Amino acid sequence: MVIGEDKSIRNTIIKYGRDILTSDSFLSLSQYIQHGTITVYEHSLAVTYMSIYLARKKRRKVNLKSIVRAALLHDYFLYDWHDNALWHSLHGYHHAKRAMENARRDFRLTKKEEQIIYRHMFPLNLTRVPDSKEAIIVCAADKVCALAETVTKKNYAPVLTEDFRKLAARNGHA
């Protein structure tokens, strides 16, 4: 499986995440590096794609809308965690809460979507155990993508972002 190649998964992301994908604040995630040379924007799309892939592969009855919206926003912390600011030193422990607060402020989210974002860093955050099938899927997808980006220096095919960038351009974004 190549992350990005399945057009039906990309269409599902657009169906449920259009408002997020076309927002200036989400598009700004392309300014921040997540792992290696992968931006937070690319990582968020990859985690969303992988989440849908895992949900379909396991044939679980899940709320795909909640998965898409929470996966897109799971790292919506809106800062460069690589800079030397002291408060970034514990980024792994704190960014999920900040991402949830930012996402809640900028988008309409359900309580389930908020909880998926808040709990995605388990097991690093031992007290924030994923409490739904959707949260388990997003948490697992995040770990798969982070590992690929960090260890193998995974670089996603341009097709991963292609549809989303076209969508943003149609909505007046460069």
N, C-alpha and C. Protein backbone atom coordinates (compact mmCIF):
# COMPACT_ATOMS: atom_id res chain seq x y z
N MET A 1 0.83 -1.18 0.00
CA MET A 1 0.00 0.00 0.00
C MET A 1 0.88 1.25 0.00
N VAL A 2 0.61 2.14 -0.92
CA VAL A 2 1.31 3.42 -0.99
C VAL A 2 0.36 4.49 -0.49
N ILE A 3 0.80 5.23 0.51
CA ILE A 3 -0.06 6.26 1.08
C ILE A 3 -0.31 7.35 0.04
N GLY A 4 -1.57 7.50 -0.30
CA GLY A 4 -1.98 8.54 -1.24
C GLY A 4 -2.55 8.03 -2.54
N GLU A 5 -2.29 6.78 -2.89
CA GLU A 5 -2.64 6.33 -4.25
C GLU A 5 -4.14 6.02 -4.44
N ASP A 6 -4.87 5.72 -3.39
CA ASP A 6 -6.28 5.34 -3.52
C ASP A 6 -7.17 6.58 -3.57
N LYS A 7 -7.71 6.85 -4.75
CA LYS A 7 -8.53 8.04 -4.96
C LYS A 7 -9.80 8.02 -4.12
N SER A 8 -10.36 6.84 -3.87
CA SER A 8 -11.58 6.77 -3.05
C SER A 8 -11.30 7.22 -1.62
N ILE A 9 -10.13 6.93 -1.10
CA ILE A 9 -9.77 7.40 0.24
C ILE A 9 -9.59 8.91 0.20
N ARG A 10 -8.91 9.42 -0.81
CA ARG A 10 -8.74 10.88 -0.92
C ARG A 10 -10.10 11.57 -1.02
N ASN A 11 -11.04 10.97 -1.76
CA ASN A 11 -12.39 11.55 -1.89
C ASN A 11 -13.14 11.54 -0.56
N THR A 12 -12.94 10.50 0.24
CA THR A 12 -13.56 10.44 1.56
C THR A 12 -13.02 11.56 2.46
N ILE A 13 -11.73 11.81 2.36
CA ILE A 13 -11.13 12.90 3.14
C ILE A 13 -11.75 14.24 2.73
N ILE A 14 -11.92 14.46 1.44
CA ILE A 14 -12.53 15.70 0.96
C ILE A 14 -13.99 15.79 1.41
N LYS A 15 -14.71 14.69 1.30
CA LYS A 15 -16.13 14.68 1.67
C LYS A 15 -16.34 15.16 3.10
N TYR A 16 -15.56 14.66 4.03
CA TYR A 16 -15.77 14.97 5.44
C TYR A 16 -14.89 16.09 5.98
N GLY A 17 -13.86 16.45 5.24
CA GLY A 17 -12.92 17.44 5.76
C GLY A 17 -12.76 18.69 4.93
N ARG A 18 -13.67 18.93 4.01
CA ARG A 18 -13.55 20.07 3.09
C ARG A 18 -13.30 21.39 3.83
N ASP A 19 -14.07 21.67 4.87
CA ASP A 19 -13.92 22.94 5.58
C ASP A 19 -12.54 23.06 6.23
N ILE A 20 -12.01 21.97 6.70
CA ILE A 20 -10.68 21.97 7.31
C ILE A 20 -9.62 22.13 6.23
N LEU A 21 -9.73 21.34 5.18
CA LEU A 21 -8.73 21.33 4.10
C LEU A 21 -8.59 22.68 3.41
N THR A 22 -9.64 23.48 3.41
CA THR A 22 -9.61 24.77 2.70
C THR A 22 -9.42 25.95 3.64
N SER A 23 -9.17 25.69 4.91
CA SER A 23 -8.97 26.80 5.86
C SER A 23 -7.52 27.26 5.84
N ASP A 24 -7.34 28.56 5.99
CA ASP A 24 -5.99 29.12 6.03
C ASP A 24 -5.17 28.52 7.17
N SER A 25 -5.81 28.32 8.31
CA SER A 25 -5.06 27.82 9.47
C SER A 25 -4.56 26.39 9.24
N PHE A 26 -5.38 25.54 8.62
CA PHE A 26 -4.91 24.18 8.32
C PHE A 26 -3.81 24.22 7.26
N LEU A 27 -4.00 25.03 6.24
CA LEU A 27 -2.98 25.15 5.20
C LEU A 27 -1.65 25.65 5.76
N SER A 28 -1.71 26.42 6.85
CA SER A 28 -0.48 26.93 7.46
C SER A 28 0.39 25.82 8.05
N LEU A 29 -0.18 24.62 8.24
CA LEU A 29 0.60 23.51 8.77
C LEU A 29 1.74 23.11 7.83
N SER A 30 1.67 23.55 6.58
CA SER A 30 2.75 23.25 5.64
C SER A 30 4.01 24.07 5.95
N GLN A 31 3.92 25.02 6.88
CA GLN A 31 5.08 25.82 7.29
C GLN A 31 5.94 25.11 8.34
N TYR A 32 5.36 24.10 8.98
CA TYR A 32 6.02 23.47 10.12
C TYR A 32 6.47 22.05 9.77
N ILE A 33 7.69 21.73 10.18
CA ILE A 33 8.22 20.38 9.97
C ILE A 33 7.74 19.50 11.12
N GLN A 34 7.35 18.28 10.78
CA GLN A 34 6.90 17.32 11.79
C GLN A 34 8.02 16.32 12.07
N HIS A 35 8.31 15.47 11.09
CA HIS A 35 9.37 14.46 11.23
C HIS A 35 10.25 14.52 9.99
N GLY A 36 11.56 14.60 10.19
CA GLY A 36 12.49 14.64 9.05
C GLY A 36 12.21 15.84 8.16
N THR A 37 11.78 15.58 6.93
CA THR A 37 11.43 16.65 6.00
C THR A 37 9.92 16.73 5.77
N ILE A 38 9.17 15.93 6.48
CA ILE A 38 7.72 15.88 6.33
C ILE A 38 7.09 17.02 7.13
N THR A 39 6.22 17.77 6.48
CA THR A 39 5.54 18.86 7.19
C THR A 39 4.38 18.31 8.03
N VAL A 40 3.91 19.13 8.94
CA VAL A 40 2.75 18.75 9.74
C VAL A 40 1.54 18.56 8.81
N TYR A 41 1.44 19.36 7.77
CA TYR A 41 0.36 19.24 6.78
C TYR A 41 0.40 17.86 6.11
N GLU A 42 1.56 17.47 5.60
CA GLU A 42 1.69 16.16 4.95
C GLU A 42 1.45 15.03 5.94
N HIS A 43 2.00 15.17 7.13
CA HIS A 43 1.80 14.14 8.16
C HIS A 43 0.32 13.99 8.49
N SER A 44 -0.37 15.09 8.63
CA SER A 44 -1.80 15.04 8.97
C SER A 44 -2.61 14.38 7.87
N LEU A 45 -2.29 14.68 6.63
CA LEU A 45 -2.97 14.00 5.51
C LEU A 45 -2.64 12.52 5.49
N ALA A 46 -1.38 12.17 5.73
CA ALA A 46 -0.99 10.76 5.73
C ALA A 46 -1.69 9.99 6.85
N VAL A 47 -1.79 10.58 8.03
CA VAL A 47 -2.45 9.91 9.15
C VAL A 47 -3.94 9.74 8.83
N THR A 48 -4.54 10.73 8.22
CA THR A 48 -5.96 10.63 7.85
C THR A 48 -6.15 9.52 6.83
N TYR A 49 -5.31 9.51 5.81
CA TYR A 49 -5.36 8.47 4.78
C TYR A 49 -5.19 7.08 5.42
N MET A 50 -4.17 6.94 6.27
CA MET A 50 -3.89 5.65 6.91
C MET A 50 -5.04 5.23 7.82
N SER A 51 -5.66 6.18 8.49
CA SER A 51 -6.79 5.88 9.38
C SER A 51 -7.95 5.27 8.59
N ILE A 52 -8.26 5.86 7.45
CA ILE A 52 -9.34 5.32 6.62
C ILE A 52 -8.95 3.95 6.08
N TYR A 53 -7.72 3.81 5.65
CA TYR A 53 -7.23 2.52 5.16
C TYR A 53 -7.39 1.44 6.23
N LEU A 54 -6.96 1.74 7.46
CA LEU A 54 -7.07 0.76 8.55
C LEU A 54 -8.53 0.43 8.87
N ALA A 55 -9.37 1.45 8.89
CA ALA A 55 -10.80 1.21 9.18
C ALA A 55 -11.41 0.31 8.12
N ARG A 56 -11.08 0.54 6.85
CA ARG A 56 -11.62 -0.29 5.77
C ARG A 56 -11.04 -1.69 5.80
N LYS A 57 -9.75 -1.79 6.07
CA LYS A 57 -9.09 -3.10 6.09
C LYS A 57 -9.67 -3.99 7.19
N LYS A 58 -9.92 -3.41 8.33
CA LYS A 58 -10.46 -4.16 9.46
C LYS A 58 -11.97 -4.35 9.35
N ARG A 59 -12.57 -3.68 8.38
CA ARG A 59 -14.01 -3.75 8.15
C ARG A 59 -14.80 -3.48 9.43
N ARG A 60 -14.34 -2.48 10.14
CA ARG A 60 -15.02 -2.10 11.38
C ARG A 60 -16.10 -1.08 11.08
N LYS A 61 -17.19 -1.17 11.80
CA LYS A 61 -18.23 -0.17 11.68
C LYS A 61 -17.79 1.02 12.54
N VAL A 62 -17.40 2.06 11.86
CA VAL A 62 -16.89 3.25 12.55
C VAL A 62 -17.51 4.50 11.93
N ASN A 63 -17.34 5.59 12.63
CA ASN A 63 -17.78 6.89 12.15
C ASN A 63 -16.63 7.50 11.34
N LEU A 64 -16.69 7.34 10.02
CA LEU A 64 -15.61 7.85 9.16
C LEU A 64 -15.49 9.37 9.23
N LYS A 65 -16.59 10.06 9.38
CA LYS A 65 -16.53 11.52 9.47
C LYS A 65 -15.69 11.93 10.69
N SER A 66 -15.92 11.30 11.82
CA SER A 66 -15.14 11.62 13.02
C SER A 66 -13.68 11.26 12.84
N ILE A 67 -13.42 10.14 12.20
CA ILE A 67 -12.02 9.75 11.94
C ILE A 67 -11.33 10.79 11.07
N VAL A 68 -11.97 11.18 9.98
CA VAL A 68 -11.34 12.15 9.06
C VAL A 68 -11.07 13.46 9.77
N ARG A 69 -12.06 14.01 10.43
CA ARG A 69 -11.93 15.33 11.04
C ARG A 69 -10.88 15.31 12.16
N ALA A 70 -10.92 14.30 13.00
CA ALA A 70 -9.95 14.22 14.10
C ALA A 70 -8.54 13.93 13.59
N ALA A 71 -8.42 13.07 12.61
CA ALA A 71 -7.09 12.75 12.07
C ALA A 71 -6.47 13.97 11.40
N LEU A 72 -7.26 14.72 10.65
CA LEU A 72 -6.73 15.93 10.04
C LEU A 72 -6.21 16.89 11.09
N LEU A 73 -6.87 16.97 12.23
CA LEU A 73 -6.56 17.97 13.25
C LEU A 73 -5.77 17.43 14.44
N HIS A 74 -5.34 16.18 14.39
CA HIS A 74 -4.68 15.59 15.56
C HIS A 74 -3.39 16.31 15.95
N ASP A 75 -2.71 16.93 15.02
CA ASP A 75 -1.49 17.69 15.31
C ASP A 75 -1.66 19.18 14.96
N TYR A 76 -2.81 19.70 15.23
CA TYR A 76 -3.15 21.10 14.92
C TYR A 76 -2.69 22.02 16.06
N PHE A 77 -1.40 21.90 16.41
CA PHE A 77 -0.86 22.66 17.52
C PHE A 77 -0.36 24.04 17.10
N LEU A 78 -0.09 24.24 15.81
CA LEU A 78 0.19 25.55 15.22
C LEU A 78 1.44 26.25 15.75
N TYR A 79 2.52 25.50 15.93
CA TYR A 79 3.81 26.09 16.27
C TYR A 79 4.91 25.16 15.79
N ASP A 80 6.13 25.67 15.75
CA ASP A 80 7.28 24.86 15.36
C ASP A 80 7.90 24.26 16.62
N TRP A 81 7.65 22.99 16.84
CA TRP A 81 8.13 22.35 18.06
C TRP A 81 9.63 22.09 18.04
N HIS A 82 10.28 22.38 16.92
CA HIS A 82 11.73 22.18 16.83
C HIS A 82 12.52 23.38 17.33
N ASP A 83 11.85 24.52 17.52
CA ASP A 83 12.62 25.67 18.00
C ASP A 83 12.97 25.46 19.48
N ASN A 84 13.80 26.32 20.01
CA ASN A 84 14.37 26.09 21.34
C ASN A 84 13.55 26.66 22.49
N ALA A 85 12.31 27.00 22.26
CA ALA A 85 11.48 27.51 23.34
C ALA A 85 11.36 26.45 24.42
N LEU A 86 11.51 26.85 25.66
CA LEU A 86 11.49 25.91 26.78
C LEU A 86 10.19 25.11 26.83
N TRP A 87 9.07 25.77 26.55
CA TRP A 87 7.78 25.08 26.65
C TRP A 87 7.58 24.02 25.57
N HIS A 88 8.45 24.00 24.55
CA HIS A 88 8.38 22.95 23.53
C HIS A 88 9.12 21.68 23.94
N SER A 89 9.88 21.74 25.03
CA SER A 89 10.70 20.59 25.40
C SER A 89 9.86 19.36 25.74
N LEU A 90 8.64 19.55 26.14
CA LEU A 90 7.76 18.42 26.45
C LEU A 90 6.62 18.33 25.42
N HIS A 91 6.93 18.69 24.21
CA HIS A 91 5.94 18.72 23.11
C HIS A 91 5.13 17.43 23.03
N GLY A 92 5.79 16.30 23.10
CA GLY A 92 5.11 15.01 22.97
C GLY A 92 4.01 14.80 24.00
N TYR A 93 4.19 15.37 25.17
CA TYR A 93 3.21 15.20 26.24
C TYR A 93 2.07 16.22 26.18
N HIS A 94 2.33 17.38 25.59
CA HIS A 94 1.37 18.47 25.69
C HIS A 94 0.66 18.86 24.39
N HIS A 95 1.21 18.48 23.25
CA HIS A 95 0.65 19.02 22.00
C HIS A 95 -0.75 18.52 21.68
N ALA A 96 -1.12 17.34 22.15
CA ALA A 96 -2.47 16.83 21.85
C ALA A 96 -3.54 17.73 22.47
N LYS A 97 -3.29 18.17 23.69
CA LYS A 97 -4.25 19.08 24.34
C LYS A 97 -4.32 20.41 23.59
N ARG A 98 -3.16 20.94 23.22
CA ARG A 98 -3.14 22.21 22.48
C ARG A 98 -3.83 22.04 21.12
N ALA A 99 -3.58 20.93 20.44
CA ALA A 99 -4.22 20.67 19.14
C ALA A 99 -5.74 20.62 19.31
N MET A 100 -6.20 19.94 20.36
CA MET A 100 -7.64 19.86 20.60
C MET A 100 -8.23 21.24 20.88
N GLU A 101 -7.56 22.04 21.68
CA GLU A 101 -8.06 23.39 22.00
C GLU A 101 -8.11 24.25 20.75
N ASN A 102 -7.07 24.20 19.94
CA ASN A 102 -7.05 24.99 18.69
C ASN A 102 -8.14 24.52 17.73
N ALA A 103 -8.28 23.21 17.61
CA ALA A 103 -9.28 22.65 16.70
C ALA A 103 -10.69 23.03 17.15
N ARG A 104 -10.93 22.94 18.43
CA ARG A 104 -12.24 23.30 19.00
C ARG A 104 -12.54 24.79 18.73
N ARG A 105 -11.53 25.61 18.83
CA ARG A 105 -11.69 27.05 18.59
C ARG A 105 -12.01 27.35 17.12
N ASP A 106 -11.36 26.63 16.19
CA ASP A 106 -11.42 26.99 14.77
C ASP A 106 -12.44 26.20 13.95
N PHE A 107 -12.91 25.07 14.46
CA PHE A 107 -13.82 24.22 13.68
C PHE A 107 -14.93 23.67 14.57
N ARG A 108 -16.03 23.26 13.93
CA ARG A 108 -17.10 22.58 14.66
C ARG A 108 -16.71 21.11 14.79
N LEU A 109 -16.55 20.70 16.04
CA LEU A 109 -16.17 19.32 16.31
C LEU A 109 -17.17 18.69 17.27
N THR A 110 -17.32 17.40 17.15
CA THR A 110 -18.11 16.65 18.14
C THR A 110 -17.21 16.35 19.34
N LYS A 111 -17.82 15.97 20.43
CA LYS A 111 -17.05 15.56 21.61
C LYS A 111 -16.15 14.37 21.27
N LYS A 112 -16.66 13.45 20.46
CA LYS A 112 -15.86 12.29 20.05
C LYS A 112 -14.62 12.74 19.30
N GLU A 113 -14.76 13.68 18.36
CA GLU A 113 -13.62 14.18 17.59
C GLU A 113 -12.60 14.86 18.51
N GLU A 114 -13.09 15.63 19.46
CA GLU A 114 -12.19 16.27 20.43
C GLU A 114 -11.41 15.22 21.22
N GLN A 115 -12.09 14.17 21.65
CA GLN A 115 -11.44 13.13 22.43
C GLN A 115 -10.43 12.33 21.60
N ILE A 116 -10.73 12.12 20.35
CA ILE A 116 -9.76 11.42 19.48
C ILE A 116 -8.47 12.22 19.40
N ILE A 117 -8.59 13.52 19.19
CA ILE A 117 -7.41 14.39 19.14
C ILE A 117 -6.67 14.35 20.47
N TYR A 118 -7.39 14.52 21.55
CA TYR A 118 -6.80 14.60 22.89
C TYR A 118 -6.07 13.32 23.28
N ARG A 119 -6.55 12.18 22.81
CA ARG A 119 -6.01 10.89 23.24
C ARG A 119 -5.05 10.24 22.23
N HIS A 120 -4.69 10.95 21.17
CA HIS A 120 -3.91 10.29 20.11
C HIS A 120 -2.47 9.98 20.49
N MET A 121 -1.98 10.52 21.57
CA MET A 121 -0.57 10.29 21.94
C MET A 121 -0.37 9.14 22.94
N PHE A 122 -1.37 8.32 23.14
CA PHE A 122 -1.19 7.11 23.93
C PHE A 122 -0.24 6.19 23.16
N PRO A 123 0.71 5.53 23.76
CA PRO A 123 0.94 5.34 25.18
C PRO A 123 1.88 6.37 25.83
N LEU A 124 2.38 7.34 25.09
CA LEU A 124 3.23 8.36 25.71
C LEU A 124 2.45 9.06 26.83
N ASN A 125 1.21 9.39 26.58
CA ASN A 125 0.33 9.94 27.62
C ASN A 125 -0.47 8.76 28.18
N LEU A 126 0.04 8.14 29.21
CA LEU A 126 -0.55 6.91 29.75
C LEU A 126 -1.96 7.08 30.30
N THR A 127 -2.32 8.27 30.70
CA THR A 127 -3.65 8.49 31.28
C THR A 127 -4.70 8.83 30.23
N ARG A 128 -4.29 8.98 28.99
CA ARG A 128 -5.23 9.36 27.92
C ARG A 128 -5.41 8.17 26.96
N VAL A 129 -6.02 7.14 27.45
CA VAL A 129 -6.23 5.91 26.69
C VAL A 129 -7.33 6.15 25.65
N PRO A 130 -7.09 5.80 24.38
CA PRO A 130 -8.15 5.92 23.37
C PRO A 130 -9.39 5.16 23.83
N ASP A 131 -10.54 5.82 23.76
CA ASP A 131 -11.76 5.24 24.34
C ASP A 131 -12.84 4.91 23.31
N SER A 132 -12.46 4.83 22.05
CA SER A 132 -13.41 4.45 21.00
C SER A 132 -12.63 3.76 19.88
N LYS A 133 -13.35 3.06 19.02
CA LYS A 133 -12.71 2.41 17.87
C LYS A 133 -12.02 3.47 17.01
N GLU A 134 -12.68 4.60 16.84
CA GLU A 134 -12.13 5.68 16.01
C GLU A 134 -10.84 6.22 16.61
N ALA A 135 -10.81 6.38 17.93
CA ALA A 135 -9.61 6.90 18.59
C ALA A 135 -8.45 5.90 18.48
N ILE A 136 -8.76 4.62 18.61
CA ILE A 136 -7.72 3.59 18.47
C ILE A 136 -7.14 3.60 17.06
N ILE A 137 -7.99 3.74 16.08
CA ILE A 137 -7.54 3.76 14.68
C ILE A 137 -6.64 4.96 14.41
N VAL A 138 -7.05 6.16 14.83
CA VAL A 138 -6.24 7.36 14.58
C VAL A 138 -4.92 7.27 15.35
N CYS A 139 -4.97 6.80 16.57
CA CYS A 139 -3.75 6.63 17.36
C CYS A 139 -2.77 5.68 16.66
N ALA A 140 -3.29 4.55 16.19
CA ALA A 140 -2.44 3.57 15.49
C ALA A 140 -1.89 4.14 14.19
N ALA A 141 -2.73 4.82 13.42
CA ALA A 141 -2.29 5.40 12.15
C ALA A 141 -1.20 6.44 12.38
N ASP A 142 -1.34 7.23 13.43
CA ASP A 142 -0.32 8.23 13.77
C ASP A 142 1.02 7.56 14.05
N LYS A 143 1.00 6.45 14.78
CA LYS A 143 2.25 5.76 15.11
C LYS A 143 2.89 5.14 13.86
N VAL A 144 2.07 4.56 13.00
CA VAL A 144 2.58 3.97 11.76
C VAL A 144 3.25 5.05 10.91
N CYS A 145 2.58 6.17 10.72
CA CYS A 145 3.12 7.23 9.87
C CYS A 145 4.35 7.88 10.51
N ALA A 146 4.30 8.14 11.81
CA ALA A 146 5.45 8.75 12.49
C ALA A 146 6.67 7.86 12.40
N LEU A 147 6.48 6.57 12.57
CA LEU A 147 7.60 5.63 12.47
C LEU A 147 8.17 5.64 11.06
N ALA A 148 7.32 5.59 10.06
CA ALA A 148 7.78 5.60 8.67
C ALA A 148 8.52 6.90 8.35
N GLU A 149 8.02 8.01 8.86
CA GLU A 149 8.65 9.30 8.57
C GLU A 149 9.98 9.46 9.29
N THR A 150 10.09 8.92 10.48
CA THR A 150 11.28 9.10 11.31
C THR A 150 12.38 8.09 10.98
N VAL A 151 12.00 6.83 10.89
CA VAL A 151 13.00 5.76 10.72
C VAL A 151 13.39 5.58 9.27
N THR A 152 12.40 5.51 8.40
CA THR A 152 12.71 5.23 6.99
C THR A 152 12.78 6.50 6.15
N LYS A 153 12.59 7.64 6.80
CA LYS A 153 12.58 8.94 6.10
C LYS A 153 11.56 8.93 4.96
N LYS A 154 10.42 8.30 5.24
CA LYS A 154 9.34 8.16 4.25
C LYS A 154 8.97 9.52 3.67
N ASN A 155 8.95 9.59 2.38
CA ASN A 155 8.51 10.79 1.69
C ASN A 155 7.30 10.39 0.87
N TYR A 156 6.19 11.07 1.06
CA TYR A 156 4.95 10.70 0.40
C TYR A 156 4.92 11.18 -1.03
N ALA A 157 4.27 10.40 -1.86
CA ALA A 157 4.13 10.76 -3.27
C ALA A 157 3.32 12.05 -3.38
N PRO A 158 3.63 12.88 -4.35
CA PRO A 158 2.88 14.13 -4.54
C PRO A 158 1.37 13.91 -4.65
N VAL A 159 0.97 12.73 -5.09
CA VAL A 159 -0.46 12.45 -5.25
C VAL A 159 -1.18 12.55 -3.90
N LEU A 160 -0.48 12.35 -2.78
CA LEU A 160 -1.11 12.46 -1.48
C LEU A 160 -1.73 13.84 -1.28
N THR A 161 -1.03 14.87 -1.69
CA THR A 161 -1.51 16.24 -1.45
C THR A 161 -2.18 16.87 -2.68
N GLU A 162 -2.08 16.23 -3.81
CA GLU A 162 -2.55 16.79 -5.08
C GLU A 162 -4.01 17.25 -5.05
N ASP A 163 -4.93 16.37 -4.71
CA ASP A 163 -6.36 16.71 -4.70
C ASP A 163 -6.66 17.81 -3.70
N PHE A 164 -5.97 17.78 -2.56
CA PHE A 164 -6.24 18.73 -1.50
C PHE A 164 -5.73 20.12 -1.87
N ARG A 165 -4.59 20.17 -2.52
CA ARG A 165 -4.07 21.47 -2.97
C ARG A 165 -4.96 22.07 -4.07
N LYS A 166 -5.47 21.22 -4.95
CA LYS A 166 -6.40 21.69 -5.99
C LYS A 166 -7.67 22.24 -5.35
N LEU A 167 -8.17 21.55 -4.35
CA LEU A 167 -9.37 21.98 -3.63
C LEU A 167 -9.12 23.34 -2.98
N ALA A 168 -7.98 23.50 -2.34
CA ALA A 168 -7.64 24.77 -1.70
C ALA A 168 -7.52 25.88 -2.74
N ALA A 169 -6.91 25.58 -3.88
CA ALA A 169 -6.75 26.59 -4.94
C ALA A 169 -8.11 27.03 -5.47
N ARG A 170 -9.03 26.09 -5.63
CA ARG A 170 -10.39 26.44 -6.09
C ARG A 170 -11.10 27.32 -5.07
N ASN A 171 -10.68 27.26 -3.83
CA ASN A 171 -11.30 28.06 -2.78
C ASN A 171 -10.50 29.32 -2.46
N GLY A 172 -9.63 29.71 -3.40
CA GLY A 172 -8.94 30.98 -3.29
C GLY A 172 -7.62 30.96 -2.54
N HIS A 173 -7.04 29.79 -2.34
CA HIS A 173 -5.76 29.69 -1.64
C HIS A 173 -4.67 29.34 -2.65
N ALA A 174 -3.51 29.93 -2.48
CA ALA A 174 -2.40 29.72 -3.42
C ALA A 174 -1.90 28.31 -3.46
